């Protein structure tokens, strides 16, 4: 029996295809992983496979040591980056990496993405920092990325490359990615109009029993 259930694999595949449908990824860009704590491993998308032809059986299971446990394909080239974030954040169970266009605009100029939408501050938890450009397929890059994201926010943008978001599960991590991208688009327009009102999570009173959007 596989370390990664079919249900987990199907969920990853669903959100992979959603990332293309919503314009957050294109071609073979981006990757998604889920933590498998009972196996000291993660399951991650393979390298170089388009999401429209990807199958659940092509997902790759990789141990915390970076060694492939299951799968015939190469795991994502950013597997070491995912593992670094999992080491840094034991609260994180899923990671989504996208090539979100508006987030990348801010990444290209090295400007922090400030929260101007409620969903952004609720899900990303605060301003999303920009990591200076570096090639992303190594453990050192992953450690820098995880350190810059820190423990207080749920996303980081890699300068001239893309965004990585984290969550309790894939749906949660994807919700962060969507929230940051939507926020980046609104912030882009708001800056052209004037001075945006930046939100701070600690200043927002969330009514008892309120459901998040």
C-alpha atoms as a PDB file:
ATOM      1  CA  UNK A   1       0.000   0.000   0.000  1.00  0.00           C
ATOM      2  CA  UNK A   2       1.280   3.466  -0.912  1.00  0.00           C
ATOM      3  CA  UNK A   3       2.397   5.904   1.779  1.00  0.00           C
ATOM      4  CA  UNK A   4       0.194   8.488   0.045  1.00  0.00           C
ATOM      5  CA  UNK A   5      -3.475   7.553  -0.218  1.00  0.00           C
ATOM      6  CA  UNK A   6      -5.352   7.882  -3.482  1.00  0.00           C
ATOM      7  CA  UNK A   7      -7.504  10.545  -1.836  1.00  0.00           C
ATOM      8  CA  UNK A   8      -4.448  12.730  -1.118  1.00  0.00           C
ATOM      9  CA  UNK A   9      -3.116  12.207  -4.639  1.00  0.00           C
ATOM     10  CA  UNK A  10      -6.473  13.124  -6.181  1.00  0.00           C
ATOM     11  CA  UNK A  11      -6.662  16.254  -4.058  1.00  0.00           C
ATOM     12  CA  UNK A  12      -3.209  17.349  -5.209  1.00  0.00           C
ATOM     13  CA  UNK A  13      -4.167  16.718  -8.835  1.00  0.00           C
ATOM     14  CA  UNK A  14      -7.377  18.712  -8.438  1.00  0.00           C
ATOM     15  CA  UNK A  15      -5.559  21.776  -7.100  1.00  0.00           C
ATOM     16  CA  UNK A  16      -2.817  21.444  -9.723  1.00  0.00           C
ATOM     17  CA  UNK A  17      -5.452  21.766 -12.415  1.00  0.00           C
ATOM     18  CA  UNK A  18      -7.182  24.578 -10.541  1.00  0.00           C
ATOM     19  CA  UNK A  19      -3.877  26.482 -10.468  1.00  0.00           C
ATOM     20  CA  UNK A  20      -3.832  26.418 -14.281  1.00  0.00           C
ATOM     21  CA  UNK A  21      -7.544  27.168 -14.620  1.00  0.00           C
ATOM     22  CA  UNK A  22      -7.233  30.231 -12.369  1.00  0.00           C
ATOM     23  CA  UNK A  23      -4.125  31.506 -14.150  1.00  0.00           C
ATOM     24  CA  UNK A  24      -1.710  30.942 -11.278  1.00  0.00           C
ATOM     25  CA  UNK A  25       0.407  28.444 -13.244  1.00  0.00           C
ATOM     26  CA  UNK A  26       1.186  27.605 -16.859  1.00  0.00           C
ATOM     27  CA  UNK A  27       3.021  24.905 -18.822  1.00  0.00           C
ATOM     28  CA  UNK A  28       4.768  22.697 -16.232  1.00  0.00           C
ATOM     29  CA  UNK A  29       5.389  25.505 -13.744  1.00  0.00           C
ATOM     30  CA  UNK A  30       4.567  25.323 -10.049  1.00  0.00           C
ATOM     31  CA  UNK A  31       4.325  22.349  -7.702  1.00  0.00           C
ATOM     32  CA  UNK A  32       2.261  21.042  -4.802  1.00  0.00           C
ATOM     33  CA  UNK A  33       3.137  18.778  -1.882  1.00  0.00           C
ATOM     34  CA  UNK A  34       1.493  17.292   1.199  1.00  0.00           C
ATOM     35  CA  UNK A  35       3.182  16.157   4.390  1.00  0.00           C
ATOM     36  CA  UNK A  36       2.912  12.461   5.332  1.00  0.00           C
ATOM     37  CA  UNK A  37       3.976  12.629   9.005  1.00  0.00           C
ATOM     38  CA  UNK A  38       3.331   8.947   9.713  1.00  0.00           C
ATOM     39  CA  UNK A  39       5.946   8.083   7.078  1.00  0.00           C
ATOM     40  CA  UNK A  40       8.408  10.945   7.696  1.00  0.00           C
ATOM     41  CA  UNK A  41       7.827  11.887   4.080  1.00  0.00           C
ATOM     42  CA  UNK A  42       5.989  14.139   1.660  1.00  0.00           C
ATOM     43  CA  UNK A  43       4.126  13.423  -1.574  1.00  0.00           C
ATOM     44  CA  UNK A  44       4.917  15.927  -4.323  1.00  0.00           C
ATOM     45  CA  UNK A  45       4.204  16.524  -7.981  1.00  0.00           C
ATOM     46  CA  UNK A  46       6.770  15.185 -10.462  1.00  0.00           C
ATOM     47  CA  UNK A  47       9.062  17.366 -12.529  1.00  0.00           C
ATOM     48  CA  UNK A  48       8.225  18.334 -16.090  1.00  0.00           C
ATOM     49  CA  UNK A  49       4.696  16.892 -16.403  1.00  0.00           C
ATOM     50  CA  UNK A  50       1.841  19.118 -17.616  1.00  0.00           C
ATOM     51  CA  UNK A  51      -1.072  19.124 -15.192  1.00  0.00           C
ATOM     52  CA  UNK A  52      -3.607  18.297 -17.893  1.00  0.00           C
ATOM     53  CA  UNK A  53      -1.916  14.924 -18.472  1.00  0.00           C
ATOM     54  CA  UNK A  54      -0.689  14.294 -14.921  1.00  0.00           C
ATOM     55  CA  UNK A  55      -2.164  11.229 -13.184  1.00  0.00           C
ATOM     56  CA  UNK A  56      -2.469  10.338  -9.517  1.00  0.00           C
ATOM     57  CA  UNK A  57      -0.045   7.448  -9.977  1.00  0.00           C
ATOM     58  CA  UNK A  58       2.701   9.817 -11.121  1.00  0.00           C
ATOM     59  CA  UNK A  59       2.994  11.621  -7.776  1.00  0.00           C
ATOM     60  CA  UNK A  60       6.306  11.017  -6.018  1.00  0.00           C
ATOM     61  CA  UNK A  61       6.806  10.195  -2.332  1.00  0.00           C
ATOM     62  CA  UNK A  62      10.021  11.615  -0.897  1.00  0.00           C
ATOM     63  CA  UNK A  63      11.430  11.065   2.588  1.00  0.00           C
ATOM     64  CA  UNK A  64      12.420  13.911   4.867  1.00  0.00           C
ATOM     65  CA  UNK A  65      16.008  13.068   3.889  1.00  0.00           C
ATOM     66  CA  UNK A  66      15.223  13.892   0.247  1.00  0.00           C
ATOM     67  CA  UNK A  67      15.346  10.302  -1.007  1.00  0.00           C
ATOM     68  CA  UNK A  68      12.582   8.993  -3.267  1.00  0.00           C
ATOM     69  CA  UNK A  69      10.494   6.322  -1.534  1.00  0.00           C
ATOM     70  CA  UNK A  70       7.833   5.802  -4.199  1.00  0.00           C
ATOM     71  CA  UNK A  71       7.495   6.845  -7.827  1.00  0.00           C
ATOM     72  CA  UNK A  72       9.113   6.281 -11.202  1.00  0.00           C
ATOM     73  CA  UNK A  73       9.515   9.963 -12.108  1.00  0.00           C
ATOM     74  CA  UNK A  74      11.806  12.680 -10.808  1.00  0.00           C
ATOM     75  CA  UNK A  75      10.157  14.704  -8.041  1.00  0.00           C
ATOM     76  CA  UNK A  76       9.741  18.450  -8.469  1.00  0.00           C
ATOM     77  CA  UNK A  77      13.027  20.304  -8.863  1.00  0.00           C
ATOM     78  CA  UNK A  78      12.005  22.328  -5.794  1.00  0.00           C
ATOM     79  CA  UNK A  79      11.536  19.354  -3.496  1.00  0.00           C
ATOM     80  CA  UNK A  80      14.395  20.517  -1.256  1.00  0.00           C
ATOM     81  CA  UNK A  81      12.667  23.887  -0.920  1.00  0.00           C
ATOM     82  CA  UNK A  82       9.436  22.230   0.214  1.00  0.00           C
ATOM     83  CA  UNK A  83      11.331  20.096   2.720  1.00  0.00           C
ATOM     84  CA  UNK A  84      13.026  23.189   4.171  1.00  0.00           C
ATOM     85  CA  UNK A  85       9.642  24.823   4.771  1.00  0.00           C
ATOM     86  CA  UNK A  86       8.265  21.681   6.395  1.00  0.00           C
ATOM     87  CA  UNK A  87      11.275  21.573   8.730  1.00  0.00           C
ATOM     88  CA  UNK A  88      10.786  25.213   9.677  1.00  0.00           C
ATOM     89  CA  UNK A  89       7.009  25.003  10.141  1.00  0.00           C
ATOM     90  CA  UNK A  90       5.710  21.867  11.892  1.00  0.00           C
ATOM     91  CA  UNK A  91       2.233  23.423  11.687  1.00  0.00           C
ATOM     92  CA  UNK A  92       2.305  23.243   7.875  1.00  0.00           C
ATOM     93  CA  UNK A  93       0.867  20.166   6.147  1.00  0.00           C
ATOM     94  CA  UNK A  94       0.717  21.352   2.528  1.00  0.00           C
ATOM     95  CA  UNK A  95       2.628  23.656   0.192  1.00  0.00           C
ATOM     96  CA  UNK A  96       1.597  25.273  -3.081  1.00  0.00           C
ATOM     97  CA  UNK A  97       4.081  27.004  -5.402  1.00  0.00           C
ATOM     98  CA  UNK A  98       2.630  29.155  -8.183  1.00  0.00           C
ATOM     99  CA  UNK A  99       3.777  31.623 -10.851  1.00  0.00           C
ATOM    100  CA  UNK A 100       1.085  34.164  -9.906  1.00  0.00           C
ATOM    101  CA  UNK A 101       1.419  37.163 -12.296  1.00  0.00           C
ATOM    102  CA  UNK A 102       0.531  40.061  -9.987  1.00  0.00           C
ATOM    103  CA  UNK A 103       2.517  38.655  -7.085  1.00  0.00           C
ATOM    104  CA  UNK A 104       5.403  38.310  -9.522  1.00  0.00           C
ATOM    105  CA  UNK A 105       5.088  41.998 -10.453  1.00  0.00           C
ATOM    106  CA  UNK A 106       5.864  42.906  -6.859  1.00  0.00           C
ATOM    107  CA  UNK A 107       8.571  40.267  -6.791  1.00  0.00           C
ATOM    108  CA  UNK A 108      10.178  41.752  -9.895  1.00  0.00           C
ATOM    109  CA  UNK A 109      10.607  45.134  -8.195  1.00  0.00           C
ATOM    110  CA  UNK A 110      11.317  43.733  -4.732  1.00  0.00           C
ATOM    111  CA  UNK A 111       8.317  45.434  -3.115  1.00  0.00           C
ATOM    112  CA  UNK A 112       6.548  43.816  -0.166  1.00  0.00           C
ATOM    113  CA  UNK A 113       2.901  42.922  -0.821  1.00  0.00           C
ATOM    114  CA  UNK A 114       0.957  44.757   1.878  1.00  0.00           C
ATOM    115  CA  UNK A 115      -2.487  43.487   2.865  1.00  0.00           C
ATOM    116  CA  UNK A 116      -5.277  45.679   1.496  1.00  0.00           C
ATOM    117  CA  UNK A 117      -7.965  42.975   1.292  1.00  0.00           C
ATOM    118  CA  UNK A 118      -9.540  41.125   4.200  1.00  0.00           C
ATOM    119  CA  UNK A 119      -8.881  37.668   2.730  1.00  0.00           C
ATOM    120  CA  UNK A 120      -5.186  38.471   2.411  1.00  0.00           C
ATOM    121  CA  UNK A 121      -4.776  39.421   6.048  1.00  0.00           C
ATOM    122  CA  UNK A 122      -6.931  36.514   7.233  1.00  0.00           C
ATOM    123  CA  UNK A 123      -5.131  33.818   5.243  1.00  0.00           C
ATOM    124  CA  UNK A 124      -1.624  35.117   4.604  1.00  0.00           C
ATOM    125  CA  UNK A 125      -1.665  36.664   8.114  1.00  0.00           C
ATOM    126  CA  UNK A 126       0.233  39.773   7.053  1.00  0.00           C
ATOM    127  CA  UNK A 127       2.506  41.395   4.498  1.00  0.00           C
ATOM    128  CA  UNK A 128       4.211  38.982   2.110  1.00  0.00           C
ATOM    129  CA  UNK A 129       7.958  39.490   1.911  1.00  0.00           C
ATOM    130  CA  UNK A 130      10.030  39.334  -1.268  1.00  0.00           C
ATOM    131  CA  UNK A 131      13.106  37.123  -1.462  1.00  0.00           C
ATOM    132  CA  UNK A 132      15.897  38.482  -3.691  1.00  0.00           C
ATOM    133  CA  UNK A 133      16.376  36.497  -6.877  1.00  0.00           C
ATOM    134  CA  UNK A 134      18.320  33.255  -6.658  1.00  0.00           C
ATOM    135  CA  UNK A 135      18.090  29.939  -8.463  1.00  0.00           C
ATOM    136  CA  UNK A 136      15.527  27.932  -6.520  1.00  0.00           C
ATOM    137  CA  UNK A 137      16.425  24.250  -6.870  1.00  0.00           C
ATOM    138  CA  UNK A 138      18.622  23.723  -3.825  1.00  0.00           C
ATOM    139  CA  UNK A 139      18.401  23.316  -0.069  1.00  0.00           C
ATOM    140  CA  UNK A 140      20.132  26.623   0.716  1.00  0.00           C
ATOM    141  CA  UNK A 141      17.484  28.497  -1.248  1.00  0.00           C
ATOM    142  CA  UNK A 142      14.842  26.596   0.688  1.00  0.00           C
ATOM    143  CA  UNK A 143      16.335  27.548   4.040  1.00  0.00           C
ATOM    144  CA  UNK A 144      16.435  31.231   3.030  1.00  0.00           C
ATOM    145  CA  UNK A 145      12.868  31.080   1.758  1.00  0.00           C
ATOM    146  CA  UNK A 146      11.602  29.425   4.946  1.00  0.00           C
ATOM    147  CA  UNK A 147      13.505  31.903   7.105  1.00  0.00           C
ATOM    148  CA  UNK A 148      12.107  34.897   5.218  1.00  0.00           C
ATOM    149  CA  UNK A 149       8.542  33.602   5.431  1.00  0.00           C
ATOM    150  CA  UNK A 150       9.104  32.954   9.122  1.00  0.00           C
ATOM    151  CA  UNK A 151       6.454  31.717  11.500  1.00  0.00           C
ATOM    152  CA  UNK A 152       4.075  34.671  11.304  1.00  0.00           C
ATOM    153  CA  UNK A 153       2.975  34.637   7.654  1.00  0.00           C
ATOM    154  CA  UNK A 154       1.816  31.959   5.234  1.00  0.00           C
ATOM    155  CA  UNK A 155       3.396  33.044   1.951  1.00  0.00           C
ATOM    156  CA  UNK A 156       6.619  34.330   0.460  1.00  0.00           C
ATOM    157  CA  UNK A 157       7.406  35.627  -3.019  1.00  0.00           C
ATOM    158  CA  UNK A 158      10.626  34.669  -4.757  1.00  0.00           C
ATOM    159  CA  UNK A 159      11.949  37.638  -6.702  1.00  0.00           C
ATOM    160  CA  UNK A 160      11.623  37.160 -10.480  1.00  0.00           C
ATOM    161  CA  UNK A 161      10.210  33.673  -9.998  1.00  0.00           C
ATOM    162  CA  UNK A 162       6.967  32.979  -8.144  1.00  0.00           C
ATOM    163  CA  UNK A 163       5.159  32.520  -4.848  1.00  0.00           C
ATOM    164  CA  UNK A 164       5.086  29.770  -2.227  1.00  0.00           C
ATOM    165  CA  UNK A 165       2.161  29.445   0.166  1.00  0.00           C
ATOM    166  CA  UNK A 166       1.506  27.072   3.040  1.00  0.00           C
ATOM    167  CA  UNK A 167      -1.501  25.753   4.925  1.00  0.00           C
ATOM    168  CA  UNK A 168      -3.064  23.053   7.081  1.00  0.00           C
ATOM    169  CA  UNK A 169      -4.040  21.230   3.890  1.00  0.00           C
ATOM    170  CA  UNK A 170      -3.841  21.748   0.128  1.00  0.00           C
ATOM    171  CA  UNK A 171      -7.129  23.641  -0.017  1.00  0.00           C
ATOM    172  CA  UNK A 172      -5.875  25.990   2.697  1.00  0.00           C
ATOM    173  CA  UNK A 173      -2.515  26.582   1.036  1.00  0.00           C
ATOM    174  CA  UNK A 174      -4.256  27.234  -2.285  1.00  0.00           C
ATOM    175  CA  UNK A 175      -6.622  29.678  -0.597  1.00  0.00           C
ATOM    176  CA  UNK A 176      -3.581  31.609   0.630  1.00  0.00           C
ATOM    177  CA  UNK A 177      -2.142  31.672  -2.900  1.00  0.00           C
ATOM    178  CA  UNK A 178      -5.412  32.994  -4.353  1.00  0.00           C
ATOM    179  CA  UNK A 179      -5.781  35.590  -1.581  1.00  0.00           C
ATOM    180  CA  UNK A 180      -2.262  36.940  -2.098  1.00  0.00           C
ATOM    181  CA  UNK A 181      -2.663  37.105  -5.885  1.00  0.00           C
ATOM    182  CA  UNK A 182      -6.018  38.908  -5.658  1.00  0.00           C
ATOM    183  CA  UNK A 183      -4.551  41.292  -3.096  1.00  0.00           C
ATOM    184  CA  UNK A 184      -1.524  41.968  -5.293  1.00  0.00           C
ATOM    185  CA  UNK A 185      -3.803  42.840  -8.204  1.00  0.00           C
ATOM    186  CA  UNK A 186      -5.886  45.259  -6.116  1.00  0.00           C
ATOM    187  CA  UNK A 187      -2.788  46.753  -4.489  1.00  0.00           C
ATOM    188  CA  UNK A 188      -1.258  47.291  -7.938  1.00  0.00           C
ATOM    189  CA  UNK A 189      -4.294  49.344  -8.976  1.00  0.00           C
ATOM    190  CA  UNK A 190      -4.713  51.094  -5.630  1.00  0.00           C
ATOM    191  CA  UNK A 191      -1.136  52.374  -5.707  1.00  0.00           C
ATOM    192  CA  UNK A 192      -1.895  54.025  -9.046  1.00  0.00           C
ATOM    193  CA  UNK A 193      -4.926  55.757  -7.534  1.00  0.00           C
ATOM    194  CA  UNK A 194      -3.465  56.930  -4.243  1.00  0.00           C
ATOM    195  CA  UNK A 195      -2.366  55.670  -0.855  1.00  0.00           C
ATOM    196  CA  UNK A 196      -3.919  52.288  -0.003  1.00  0.00           C
ATOM    197  CA  UNK A 197      -5.353  51.546   3.423  1.00  0.00           C
ATOM    198  CA  UNK A 198      -3.159  48.722   4.716  1.00  0.00           C
ATOM    199  CA  UNK A 199      -4.787  46.179   7.039  1.00  0.00           C
ATOM    200  CA  UNK A 200      -3.157  44.731  10.168  1.00  0.00           C
ATOM    201  CA  UNK A 201      -4.476  41.427  11.510  1.00  0.00           C
ATOM    202  CA  UNK A 202      -3.963  42.432  15.153  1.00  0.00           C
ATOM    203  CA  UNK A 203      -6.188  45.493  14.621  1.00  0.00           C
ATOM    204  CA  UNK A 204      -9.117  43.532  13.214  1.00  0.00           C
ATOM    205  CA  UNK A 205     -11.824  42.360  15.605  1.00  0.00           C
ATOM    206  CA  UNK A 206     -13.256  39.087  14.382  1.00  0.00           C
ATOM    207  CA  UNK A 207     -16.692  38.459  15.939  1.00  0.00           C
ATOM    208  CA  UNK A 208     -17.034  35.325  18.024  1.00  0.00           C
ATOM    209  CA  UNK A 209     -18.300  32.453  15.927  1.00  0.00           C
ATOM    210  CA  UNK A 210     -17.687  34.268  12.654  1.00  0.00           C
ATOM    211  CA  UNK A 211     -16.925  32.022   9.669  1.00  0.00           C
ATOM    212  CA  UNK A 212     -14.016  32.975   7.456  1.00  0.00           C
ATOM    213  CA  UNK A 213     -14.808  33.757   3.801  1.00  0.00           C
END
